Protein backbone atom coordinates (compact mmCIF):
# COMPACT_ATOMS: atom_id res chain seq x y z
CA MET A 1 48.90 -24.91 -22.99
CA SER A 2 51.23 -22.56 -21.10
CA ALA A 3 50.05 -19.59 -19.12
CA PHE A 4 49.20 -16.34 -21.08
CA LEU A 5 49.75 -18.14 -24.51
CA CYS A 6 46.43 -16.92 -25.81
CA ARG A 7 46.08 -13.19 -26.59
CA LEU A 8 42.75 -11.59 -27.55
CA PHE A 9 41.62 -8.12 -28.69
CA VAL A 10 38.28 -7.18 -27.13
CA GLN A 11 35.99 -4.27 -27.47
CA ASP A 12 34.99 -4.37 -23.83
CA GLU A 13 36.18 -2.08 -21.00
CA LEU A 14 39.16 -3.64 -19.23
CA LYS A 15 39.62 -3.26 -15.49
CA SER A 16 40.91 -5.60 -12.84
CA GLY A 17 38.06 -7.68 -11.24
CA LEU A 18 35.61 -7.37 -14.13
CA ASP A 19 33.87 -10.34 -15.71
CA ILE A 20 33.25 -9.80 -19.41
CA LEU A 21 30.96 -11.77 -21.83
CA LEU A 22 32.77 -12.06 -25.19
CA LYS A 23 31.07 -11.44 -28.47
CA LYS A 24 29.98 -14.62 -30.36
CA GLU A 25 32.82 -14.33 -32.91
CA ASP A 26 35.47 -13.80 -30.22
CA ALA A 27 34.11 -16.77 -28.24
CA HIS A 28 34.29 -18.88 -31.38
CA TYR A 29 37.87 -17.76 -32.10
CA LEU A 30 38.99 -18.49 -28.53
CA LYS A 31 37.43 -21.94 -28.40
CA ASN A 32 37.90 -23.21 -31.93
CA VAL A 33 41.08 -21.45 -33.09
CA LEU A 34 43.01 -20.84 -29.90
CA ARG A 35 41.63 -23.98 -28.38
CA ALA A 36 41.12 -22.40 -24.86
CA GLU A 37 39.38 -24.17 -22.08
CA THR A 38 37.84 -23.37 -18.71
CA GLY A 39 40.65 -22.15 -16.38
CA GLN A 40 42.91 -21.00 -19.23
CA ASP A 41 44.99 -18.01 -18.61
CA LEU A 42 45.13 -15.45 -21.48
CA ARG A 43 45.98 -11.88 -22.19
CA LEU A 44 43.52 -9.21 -23.17
CA PHE A 45 43.85 -5.76 -24.83
CA ASN A 46 41.44 -3.25 -26.32
CA GLY A 47 43.60 -0.39 -27.55
CA LYS A 48 42.70 1.84 -24.78
CA TYR A 49 43.63 0.64 -21.32
CA GLY A 50 46.71 -1.55 -21.86
CA GLU A 51 47.09 -5.33 -21.66
CA PHE A 52 45.61 -7.39 -18.88
CA SER A 53 45.90 -10.98 -17.72
CA GLY A 54 42.62 -12.80 -17.59
CA GLU A 55 41.13 -16.30 -16.98
CA VAL A 56 38.38 -18.22 -18.86
CA LEU A 57 35.51 -18.70 -16.41
CA GLU A 58 32.97 -20.35 -18.78
CA ILE A 59 33.31 -21.38 -22.40
CA SER A 60 30.92 -23.01 -24.84
CA LYS A 61 30.38 -23.07 -28.61
CA ASN A 62 29.18 -19.46 -28.79
CA SER A 63 29.66 -17.96 -25.44
CA CYS A 64 32.67 -17.22 -23.16
CA VAL A 65 33.00 -15.39 -19.89
CA ILE A 66 36.43 -13.97 -19.02
CA HIS A 67 37.60 -12.75 -15.62
CA VAL A 68 39.94 -9.79 -15.93
CA LYS A 69 42.79 -10.00 -13.41
CA SER A 70 45.76 -7.62 -13.40
CA LEU A 71 47.41 -5.06 -15.62
CA LEU A 72 50.41 -6.51 -17.46
CA ARG A 73 51.46 -3.50 -19.67
CA PRO A 74 50.12 0.15 -19.72
CA GLN A 75 48.72 1.53 -22.95
CA ALA A 76 51.37 2.91 -25.25
CA SER A 77 50.85 5.31 -28.27
CA PRO A 78 51.36 3.54 -31.62
CA PRO A 79 53.81 5.02 -34.15
CA PRO A 80 52.13 8.00 -35.80
CA ILE A 81 52.33 6.41 -39.29
CA THR A 82 49.52 6.37 -41.78
CA LEU A 83 50.02 4.16 -44.97
CA TYR A 84 48.41 5.15 -48.25
CA PHE A 85 48.47 2.25 -50.78
CA ALA A 86 46.82 1.14 -53.86
CA PRO A 87 44.97 -2.12 -53.38
CA LEU A 88 46.74 -5.38 -54.69
CA ARG A 89 45.71 -8.82 -55.60
CA GLN A 90 44.62 -10.80 -52.49
CA ASN A 91 47.77 -12.81 -51.76
CA ARG A 92 49.99 -9.78 -52.08
CA MET A 93 47.49 -7.67 -50.13
CA ASP A 94 47.46 -10.19 -47.35
CA THR A 95 51.34 -9.94 -47.07
CA LEU A 96 51.09 -6.12 -47.03
CA ILE A 97 48.46 -6.05 -44.27
CA GLU A 98 50.03 -8.67 -42.05
CA LYS A 99 53.60 -7.43 -42.13
CA THR A 100 52.87 -3.74 -41.84
CA VAL A 101 50.53 -4.49 -38.78
CA GLU A 102 53.38 -6.39 -37.22
CA LEU A 103 55.49 -3.21 -37.56
CA GLY A 104 52.84 -1.21 -35.70
CA LEU A 105 51.48 1.43 -38.02
CA LEU A 106 48.50 3.59 -37.03
CA GLU A 107 46.14 3.46 -39.96
CA PHE A 108 45.67 2.15 -43.52
CA ARG A 109 44.18 4.36 -46.25
CA PRO A 110 43.61 2.66 -49.61
CA ILE A 111 43.95 4.89 -52.60
CA LEU A 112 42.63 4.72 -56.19
CA THR A 113 45.21 5.85 -58.69
CA ASP A 114 45.05 6.01 -62.48
CA PHE A 115 46.79 2.66 -62.71
CA THR A 116 45.29 0.89 -59.73
CA GLN A 117 44.17 -2.58 -60.92
CA VAL A 118 42.14 -3.78 -57.92
CA ARG A 119 39.47 -1.17 -57.19
CA LYS A 120 37.30 -3.00 -54.73
CA ILE A 121 38.43 -4.49 -51.39
CA ASN A 122 36.75 -6.42 -48.63
CA ILE A 123 37.11 -4.08 -45.63
CA GLU A 124 35.55 -6.51 -43.24
CA ARG A 125 37.97 -9.24 -44.16
CA ILE A 126 40.92 -6.95 -43.84
CA GLN A 127 39.73 -5.81 -40.47
CA VAL A 128 39.81 -9.43 -39.22
CA GLN A 129 43.36 -9.78 -40.69
CA ILE A 130 44.43 -6.53 -38.87
CA LYS A 131 42.99 -7.75 -35.51
CA GLU A 132 44.59 -11.24 -35.72
CA ALA A 133 48.05 -9.77 -36.73
CA SER A 134 47.79 -7.33 -33.84
CA GLU A 135 47.03 -10.13 -31.39
CA GLN A 136 50.00 -12.24 -32.71
CA SER A 137 52.59 -9.49 -32.85
CA GLU A 138 52.07 -8.05 -29.33
CA GLN A 139 50.63 -4.78 -30.43
CA LEU A 140 48.61 -2.79 -27.90
CA HIS A 141 46.43 -1.19 -30.57
CA VAL A 142 44.61 -2.34 -33.71
CA ALA A 143 45.18 -0.28 -36.81
CA LYS A 144 42.27 1.40 -38.56
CA ILE A 145 41.38 1.02 -42.28
CA SER A 146 39.20 3.30 -44.32
CA ASP A 147 37.36 2.86 -47.53
CA PRO A 148 39.38 3.60 -50.72
CA VAL A 149 39.60 7.26 -51.89
CA LYS A 150 40.90 8.81 -55.06
CA PHE A 151 44.53 9.67 -55.03
CA ASP A 152 43.86 13.26 -56.00
CA HIS A 153 42.06 13.83 -52.69
CA VAL A 154 44.99 12.44 -50.76
CA LEU A 155 47.26 15.16 -52.15
CA LYS A 156 45.49 17.68 -49.87
CA GLN A 157 47.11 15.93 -46.85
CA LYS A 158 50.10 17.47 -45.25
CA ASN A 159 53.32 15.69 -44.42
CA LEU A 160 53.02 13.26 -47.33
CA TRP A 161 56.17 11.23 -47.96
CA ILE A 162 55.67 9.77 -51.47
CA CYS A 163 57.81 6.65 -52.10
CA ASP A 164 59.09 7.44 -55.52
CA GLU A 165 60.13 4.57 -57.87
CA SER A 166 62.25 7.01 -59.86
CA ARG A 167 64.52 7.13 -56.74
CA THR A 168 65.09 10.94 -57.18
CA GLY A 169 64.17 11.83 -53.58
CA ASN A 170 66.37 11.73 -50.48
CA HIS A 171 66.70 8.32 -48.95
CA ILE A 172 63.99 7.97 -46.24
CA LEU A 173 66.62 7.35 -43.58
CA ASN A 174 68.06 10.79 -44.18
CA MET A 175 64.73 12.54 -43.49
CA ASN A 176 63.64 14.36 -40.39
CA PRO A 177 60.30 12.88 -39.36
CA PRO A 178 57.32 15.27 -38.67
CA GLU A 179 54.98 14.59 -35.75
CA GLU A 180 52.66 12.63 -38.13
CA ILE A 181 53.96 10.70 -41.12
CA HIS A 182 51.82 9.84 -44.10
CA LEU A 183 53.55 7.39 -46.39
CA VAL A 184 52.28 6.92 -49.96
CA ILE A 185 53.08 3.67 -51.89
CA GLY A 186 52.20 3.76 -55.65
CA PRO A 187 50.35 1.12 -57.66
CA GLU A 188 51.89 -1.85 -59.41
CA GLY A 189 52.20 0.16 -62.65
CA GLY A 190 53.57 3.22 -60.92
CA PHE A 191 52.04 6.75 -60.99
CA SER A 192 50.70 8.18 -64.24
CA SER A 193 52.16 11.30 -65.81
CA ARG A 194 49.11 13.22 -64.74
CA GLU A 195 49.63 12.17 -61.03
CA LYS A 196 53.37 12.85 -61.15
CA GLU A 197 52.49 16.45 -62.24
CA LEU A 198 50.00 16.80 -59.46
CA MET A 199 52.39 15.54 -56.74
CA LYS A 200 55.44 17.51 -57.94
CA ASN A 201 55.38 19.86 -54.90
CA HIS A 202 55.14 17.05 -52.41
CA THR A 203 58.05 15.32 -50.62
CA LYS A 204 59.56 12.41 -52.57
CA VAL A 205 61.57 9.70 -50.66
CA SER A 206 63.67 6.93 -51.89
CA LEU A 207 63.81 3.40 -50.39
CA GLY A 208 67.17 2.52 -52.04
CA HIS A 209 68.48 1.59 -55.45
CA SER A 210 66.10 -1.44 -56.19
CA ILE A 211 62.67 -1.16 -57.76
CA LEU A 212 60.43 -2.86 -55.13
CA ARG A 213 57.15 -4.47 -55.43
CA ALA A 214 54.32 -2.53 -53.74
CA GLU A 215 54.07 -4.80 -50.73
CA THR A 216 57.80 -4.88 -50.24
CA ALA A 217 57.98 -1.13 -50.48
CA ALA A 218 55.35 -0.72 -47.84
CA ILE A 219 57.13 -2.96 -45.43
CA CYS A 220 60.46 -1.27 -46.01
CA ALA A 221 59.02 2.23 -45.72
CA ILE A 222 57.36 1.54 -42.42
CA GLY A 223 60.44 -0.27 -41.04
CA PHE A 224 62.70 2.61 -42.04
CA THR A 225 60.17 5.15 -40.58
CA ASN A 226 59.96 3.27 -37.32
CA TYR A 227 63.75 3.46 -37.06
CA LEU A 228 63.71 7.23 -37.73
CA LEU A 229 61.07 7.63 -34.91
CA THR A 230 63.25 5.63 -32.50
CA LYS A 231 66.23 7.87 -33.23
CA SER A 232 64.30 11.08 -32.83
């Protein structure tokens, strides 16, 4: 296995010269999924201090000691993008989580709308998905996810950009991004008439001429927004 191929998010403090004992689940992942061995070089990040090189000093079935070596990349701020989305069926939800994490958003906030079909989600499972996607996509942070909330409460948030399937709003690429961007993706059946009335004074944005599935809309919206932030 080549140097620095393994990459692992840890909760521990990271500082050159430290030896850290990984949690049981991280040790299991490193040994049984990443197939690391004693002497293996790897990369470590914790979302606070940047990315460090490290070396496996000891590894067993449920235990692993890592020696932290040198700083590879300083910590960078993630894009200030929060995604509000109605939960989807599992395979589509997996796509949404994985791909939007790869694009580097800051936070997921599931919402319950009038037409939301999936009303319970496994937060613990999703947190594992987020962590693994962050490790694989070279992110220096791990996005947060909160418990689902009713859409009506979300409408109190400022700087909402509601991705409108009616395509009446300005194209998102023509918008001027605020300091924090809160993107809203509707449920599979769209917003109800009641919800459309409630959100009539909020900013609507278009993602183009096509009607997109929810997971596709989320990926496009974050990709477009990242481009806007790069330009600004």
